[in-house]
Amino acid sequence: MTRDTLIVPVQAVEGVSRSSRDDLLAVEEPLEIRLNGSPISVTMRTPGDDLDLAVGFLLTEGIIEDYSQILSIRHTDAVRTSRQAKNSVDVCLRPDVEFDSACLARNFYATSSCGVCGKASIEAIEAKPRRRLGKTGPIFQTRIVHRLPEVLRESQRVFERTGGLHAAALFSVDGEMLALREDIGRHNAVDKLIGCGVAGGGFPFGDSLVLVSGRAGFELVQKAAMAGIPILAAIGAPSSLAVEAALRFRMTLLGFVRGSRFNSYSESWRIQ
């Protein structure tokens, strides 16, 4: 069984008073993703939903288009280091699947806070979505968008206990939460969510909205675009590059989705 939390002893200080107590932390461990037996990435993540993470990573990196291209996917034996276990997932693709080896040009390591650090060149940062978003649906009502952060917050199981995880959730136009994934890295949470949808037979990505618990960086816009998700909403602020990418991909980008307000930075016609 995977462990997503860890109890540690701490000295709690309040004013001039000190007390000893236990604190619950979100676990952070490395995951090695292997493709056809060769390592392609190590990412720092919260254990759990590792297979979804690998599938989502391959799709958002442009290596696969759908789950049918995967011949097999499994955990491999953990490799022990001096401090912790490094887990590994091996994905074997069908022999007829072709992919650009430049997609794999990485420095082999990504921290939990960054989905694109480790790329070997500026050109390798931007993937090309295979599905170009058009000028048709979905249309989300403003009142629906306003209540999504509360639904997300109430569903964050590990965050509720640790306060240390990001979350990404997929919503239908009527506000139903289709799936949620948590991780110490915001890009991992999105990859897990997308991988879950791809592996589970296909969520209606093209008619959905993805809400993330933190800020909206370029890499999250790109991942949503690669999955064909037309609306990305964030509790926090977007970056300038995120807005540029959303405009280029014809994606609706919402920021500061809190309480009864939000900003729409692109393709605002999808919100009425």
Protein backbone atom coordinates (compact mmCIF):
# COMPACT_ATOMS: atom_id res chain seq x y z
CA MET A 1 0.00 0.00 0.00
CA THR A 2 1.28 3.47 -0.85
CA ARG A 3 1.80 6.00 1.90
CA ASP A 4 0.76 9.58 1.15
CA THR A 5 1.23 10.98 4.67
CA LEU A 6 3.87 10.69 7.38
CA ILE A 7 3.72 11.53 11.09
CA VAL A 8 6.75 13.42 12.45
CA PRO A 9 7.48 14.90 15.91
CA VAL A 10 7.74 18.69 16.04
CA GLN A 11 8.33 21.49 18.54
CA ALA A 12 5.34 23.79 18.25
CA VAL A 13 6.06 27.41 19.20
CA GLU A 14 3.33 29.92 20.01
CA GLY A 15 4.59 33.22 21.36
CA VAL A 16 7.15 32.19 23.98
CA SER A 17 5.52 28.85 24.70
CA ARG A 18 6.78 25.54 23.32
CA SER A 19 5.15 22.14 23.21
CA SER A 20 5.93 18.77 21.70
CA ARG A 21 3.40 17.21 19.36
CA ASP A 22 3.07 15.16 16.19
CA ASP A 23 2.55 16.72 12.78
CA LEU A 24 1.18 15.07 9.65
CA LEU A 25 3.14 15.72 6.46
CA ALA A 26 2.43 15.00 2.80
CA VAL A 27 4.95 12.47 1.49
CA GLU A 28 7.30 13.45 -1.33
CA GLU A 29 9.25 10.72 -3.14
CA PRO A 30 10.79 10.28 -6.60
CA LEU A 31 9.06 8.33 -9.35
CA GLU A 32 11.02 7.07 -12.32
CA ILE A 33 9.00 6.76 -15.55
CA ARG A 34 10.42 4.28 -18.06
CA LEU A 35 9.36 3.93 -21.69
CA ASN A 36 9.93 0.56 -23.36
CA GLY A 37 12.47 -0.21 -20.64
CA SER A 38 14.45 3.04 -20.89
CA PRO A 39 14.21 5.76 -18.23
CA ILE A 40 12.81 9.04 -19.56
CA SER A 41 11.97 11.07 -16.45
CA VAL A 42 12.21 11.23 -12.69
CA THR A 43 9.62 13.43 -11.02
CA MET A 44 9.10 14.23 -7.35
CA ARG A 45 5.55 13.30 -6.44
CA THR A 46 3.22 12.11 -3.70
CA PRO A 47 2.91 8.30 -3.95
CA GLY A 48 -0.42 7.06 -5.26
CA ASP A 49 -2.04 6.97 -8.70
CA ASP A 50 1.42 6.40 -10.19
CA LEU A 51 0.10 4.62 -13.28
CA ASP A 52 -2.29 7.51 -13.96
CA LEU A 53 0.64 9.90 -13.54
CA ALA A 54 2.72 8.01 -16.10
CA VAL A 55 -0.13 7.86 -18.63
CA GLY A 56 -0.92 11.53 -18.18
CA PHE A 57 2.75 12.46 -18.50
CA LEU A 58 3.09 10.56 -21.79
CA LEU A 59 -0.04 12.15 -23.23
CA THR A 60 0.79 15.71 -22.19
CA GLU A 61 4.34 15.28 -23.50
CA GLY A 62 2.91 14.33 -26.90
CA ILE A 63 4.27 10.78 -26.84
CA ILE A 64 0.87 9.04 -26.99
CA GLU A 65 -2.54 10.13 -28.24
CA ASP A 66 -4.73 7.65 -26.38
CA TYR A 67 -4.57 4.69 -24.03
CA SER A 68 -4.91 2.11 -26.81
CA GLN A 69 -1.31 2.84 -27.81
CA ILE A 70 -0.08 1.38 -24.51
CA LEU A 71 0.68 -2.33 -24.66
CA SER A 72 1.36 -2.69 -20.93
CA ILE A 73 2.03 -0.55 -17.87
CA ARG A 74 3.25 -1.74 -14.48
CA HIS A 75 5.22 -0.90 -11.40
CA THR A 76 8.76 -2.28 -11.43
CA ASP A 77 10.90 -3.23 -8.45
CA ALA A 78 11.75 -0.29 -6.21
CA VAL A 79 15.36 0.80 -6.28
CA ARG A 80 16.59 1.59 -2.80
CA THR A 81 18.69 4.65 -2.14
CA SER A 82 20.36 5.63 1.10
CA ARG A 83 17.34 7.71 2.16
CA GLN A 84 14.21 6.43 0.52
CA ALA A 85 12.72 4.17 -2.10
CA LYS A 86 12.68 5.33 -5.71
CA ASN A 87 9.62 3.84 -7.33
CA SER A 88 9.46 3.03 -11.00
CA VAL A 89 6.72 2.64 -13.61
CA ASP A 90 7.51 0.96 -16.92
CA VAL A 91 5.30 1.67 -19.94
CA CYS A 92 5.55 -0.44 -23.10
CA LEU A 93 4.05 1.01 -26.25
CA ARG A 94 2.69 -0.88 -29.23
CA PRO A 95 5.40 -1.52 -31.84
CA ASP A 96 3.59 0.64 -34.40
CA VAL A 97 3.56 3.73 -32.16
CA GLU A 98 5.94 6.38 -33.41
CA PHE A 99 7.02 9.40 -31.40
CA ASP A 100 9.50 12.21 -31.75
CA SER A 101 12.59 11.38 -29.73
CA ALA A 102 13.05 15.13 -29.22
CA CYS A 103 10.06 14.94 -26.88
CA LEU A 104 12.28 12.95 -24.54
CA ALA A 105 15.16 15.43 -24.57
CA ARG A 106 15.22 16.20 -20.86
CA ASN A 107 17.80 16.52 -18.16
CA PHE A 108 15.99 13.56 -16.59
CA TYR A 109 14.79 15.29 -13.43
CA ALA A 110 11.90 17.52 -12.50
CA THR A 111 11.10 18.88 -9.06
CA SER A 112 7.61 18.69 -7.60
CA SER A 113 7.15 22.42 -8.22
CA CYS A 114 8.00 22.50 -11.91
CA GLY A 115 6.61 20.60 -14.86
CA VAL A 116 9.01 21.89 -17.48
CA CYS A 117 12.32 22.36 -15.66
CA GLY A 118 14.61 19.64 -16.95
CA LYS A 119 13.76 20.29 -20.59
CA ALA A 120 16.90 20.25 -22.67
CA SER A 121 16.02 23.24 -24.87
CA ILE A 122 13.60 26.12 -25.21
CA GLU A 123 12.07 24.46 -28.28
CA ALA A 124 11.34 21.30 -26.28
CA ILE A 125 9.20 23.21 -23.80
CA GLU A 126 6.22 23.72 -26.08
CA ALA A 127 4.28 20.66 -27.18
CA LYS A 128 1.80 20.91 -30.04
CA PRO A 129 -1.79 19.93 -29.16
CA ARG A 130 -3.21 17.48 -31.70
CA ARG A 131 -6.75 18.74 -31.12
CA ARG A 132 -7.22 22.41 -31.90
CA LEU A 133 -9.93 23.96 -29.78
CA GLY A 134 -12.71 25.50 -31.82
CA LYS A 135 -15.46 28.07 -31.47
CA THR A 136 -18.06 25.64 -30.18
CA GLY A 137 -18.98 24.64 -26.58
CA PRO A 138 -18.87 23.96 -23.78
CA ILE A 139 -20.61 26.87 -22.07
CA PHE A 140 -20.25 27.15 -18.28
CA GLN A 141 -22.59 29.32 -16.28
CA THR A 142 -20.94 31.89 -14.01
CA ARG A 143 -22.89 30.63 -11.00
CA ILE A 144 -21.47 27.13 -11.58
CA VAL A 145 -17.90 28.43 -11.72
CA HIS A 146 -18.37 30.35 -8.46
CA ARG A 147 -19.13 27.20 -6.47
CA LEU A 148 -16.40 24.94 -7.90
CA PRO A 149 -13.62 25.99 -5.46
CA GLU A 150 -15.78 24.96 -2.50
CA VAL A 151 -16.46 21.57 -4.09
CA LEU A 152 -12.75 21.13 -4.75
CA ARG A 153 -11.74 22.10 -1.24
CA GLU A 154 -14.27 19.79 0.40
CA SER A 155 -12.99 16.87 -1.70
CA GLN A 156 -9.26 17.28 -0.94
CA ARG A 157 -8.78 14.28 1.35
CA VAL A 158 -5.03 14.54 1.96
CA PHE A 159 -4.91 18.35 1.96
CA GLU A 160 -7.50 18.34 4.72
CA ARG A 161 -5.08 16.38 6.92
CA THR A 162 -1.75 17.93 5.89
CA GLY A 163 -2.34 21.30 4.20
CA GLY A 164 0.51 20.38 1.86
CA LEU A 165 -0.94 19.20 -1.46
CA HIS A 166 -2.17 20.69 -4.71
CA ALA A 167 -5.31 19.39 -6.36
CA ALA A 168 -6.77 19.25 -9.86
CA ALA A 169 -10.40 18.36 -10.55
CA LEU A 170 -12.42 17.87 -13.71
CA PHE A 171 -15.97 19.26 -13.81
CA SER A 172 -18.91 18.88 -16.19
CA VAL A 173 -21.00 21.86 -17.33
CA ASP A 174 -23.54 21.20 -14.58
CA GLY A 175 -20.85 21.39 -11.89
CA GLU A 176 -20.49 17.66 -11.28
CA MET A 177 -16.97 16.70 -10.25
CA LEU A 178 -15.92 13.86 -12.55
CA ALA A 179 -12.55 13.16 -10.93
CA LEU A 180 -9.99 14.67 -8.56
CA ARG A 181 -6.31 13.99 -7.99
CA GLU A 182 -3.91 15.40 -5.37
CA ASP A 183 -0.13 15.69 -5.43
CA ILE A 184 2.64 17.76 -3.92
CA GLY A 185 3.33 19.02 -7.45
CA ARG A 186 0.61 20.91 -9.31
CA HIS A 187 1.70 19.53 -12.68
CA ASN A 188 1.66 15.98 -11.27
CA ALA A 189 -1.90 16.48 -10.01
CA VAL A 190 -2.96 17.48 -13.54
CA ASP A 191 -1.08 14.56 -15.12
CA LYS A 192 -2.73 12.15 -12.66
CA LEU A 193 -6.14 13.61 -13.48
CA ILE A 194 -5.60 13.38 -17.23
CA GLY A 195 -4.10 9.90 -16.95
CA CYS A 196 -7.09 8.76 -14.91
CA GLY A 197 -9.44 9.99 -17.62
CA VAL A 198 -7.46 8.42 -20.44
CA ALA A 199 -6.98 5.06 -18.70
CA GLY A 200 -10.57 4.93 -17.46
CA GLY A 201 -12.08 4.76 -20.90
CA GLY A 202 -12.07 8.45 -21.67
CA PHE A 203 -13.61 11.36 -19.81
CA PRO A 204 -15.43 13.98 -21.90
CA PHE A 205 -12.40 16.28 -21.82
CA GLY A 206 -13.73 18.42 -24.66
CA ASP A 207 -16.85 19.34 -22.67
CA SER A 208 -15.15 19.90 -19.32
CA LEU A 209 -13.36 22.39 -17.11
CA VAL A 210 -10.29 21.63 -15.02
CA LEU A 211 -9.80 23.53 -11.76
CA VAL A 212 -6.39 23.68 -10.06
CA SER A 213 -5.83 24.69 -6.46
CA GLY A 214 -2.84 26.97 -7.00
CA ARG A 215 -1.59 29.33 -9.67
CA ALA A 216 -1.86 28.71 -13.41
CA GLY A 217 1.54 28.39 -15.05
CA PHE A 218 2.34 27.77 -18.69
CA GLU A 219 2.84 24.05 -18.15
CA LEU A 220 -0.71 23.58 -16.82
CA VAL A 221 -2.22 25.39 -19.80
CA GLN A 222 -0.19 23.19 -22.12
CA LYS A 223 -1.18 19.96 -20.35
CA ALA A 224 -4.87 20.87 -20.51
CA ALA A 225 -4.53 21.76 -24.18
CA MET A 226 -2.80 18.46 -24.95
CA ALA A 227 -5.78 16.62 -23.42
CA GLY A 228 -8.26 18.77 -25.33
CA ILE A 229 -9.68 20.44 -22.20
CA PRO A 230 -11.03 23.86 -23.29
CA ILE A 231 -11.23 25.63 -19.90
CA LEU A 232 -8.56 25.90 -17.20
CA ALA A 233 -9.53 27.64 -13.97
CA ALA A 234 -7.15 28.41 -11.12
CA ILE A 235 -7.61 29.55 -7.54
CA GLY A 236 -4.46 31.64 -7.92
CA ALA A 237 -2.96 33.93 -10.53
CA PRO A 238 -1.91 33.01 -14.07
CA SER A 239 1.52 33.84 -15.43
CA SER A 240 2.07 35.97 -18.52
CA LEU A 241 3.21 32.93 -20.49
CA ALA A 242 0.12 31.01 -19.38
CA VAL A 243 -2.09 33.75 -20.81
CA GLU A 244 -0.11 33.83 -24.05
CA ALA A 245 -0.42 30.07 -24.41
CA ALA A 246 -4.16 30.11 -23.66
CA LEU A 247 -4.70 32.73 -26.36
CA ARG A 248 -2.65 30.68 -28.83
CA PHE A 249 -4.48 27.44 -28.00
CA ARG A 250 -7.91 29.18 -27.99
CA MET A 251 -8.39 28.01 -24.41
CA THR A 252 -10.46 29.79 -21.79
CA LEU A 253 -8.22 30.71 -18.85
CA LEU A 254 -9.70 31.82 -15.53
CA GLY A 255 -7.68 33.10 -12.59
CA PHE A 256 -8.41 34.16 -8.99
CA VAL A 257 -11.49 31.91 -8.89
CA ARG A 258 -12.46 32.66 -5.32
CA GLY A 259 -15.79 33.31 -3.66
CA SER A 260 -17.99 35.21 -6.07
CA ARG A 261 -15.30 36.53 -8.41
CA PHE A 262 -12.78 35.51 -11.05
CA ASN A 263 -10.87 37.00 -13.97
CA SER A 264 -11.20 35.66 -17.51
CA TYR A 265 -8.05 36.12 -19.58
CA SER A 266 -8.98 34.49 -22.87
CA GLU A 267 -11.91 33.07 -24.87
CA SER A 268 -14.42 34.47 -22.37
CA TRP A 269 -17.39 33.40 -24.51
CA ARG A 270 -17.30 29.96 -22.85
CA ILE A 271 -18.40 31.56 -19.55
CA GLN A 272 -21.90 33.07 -19.49
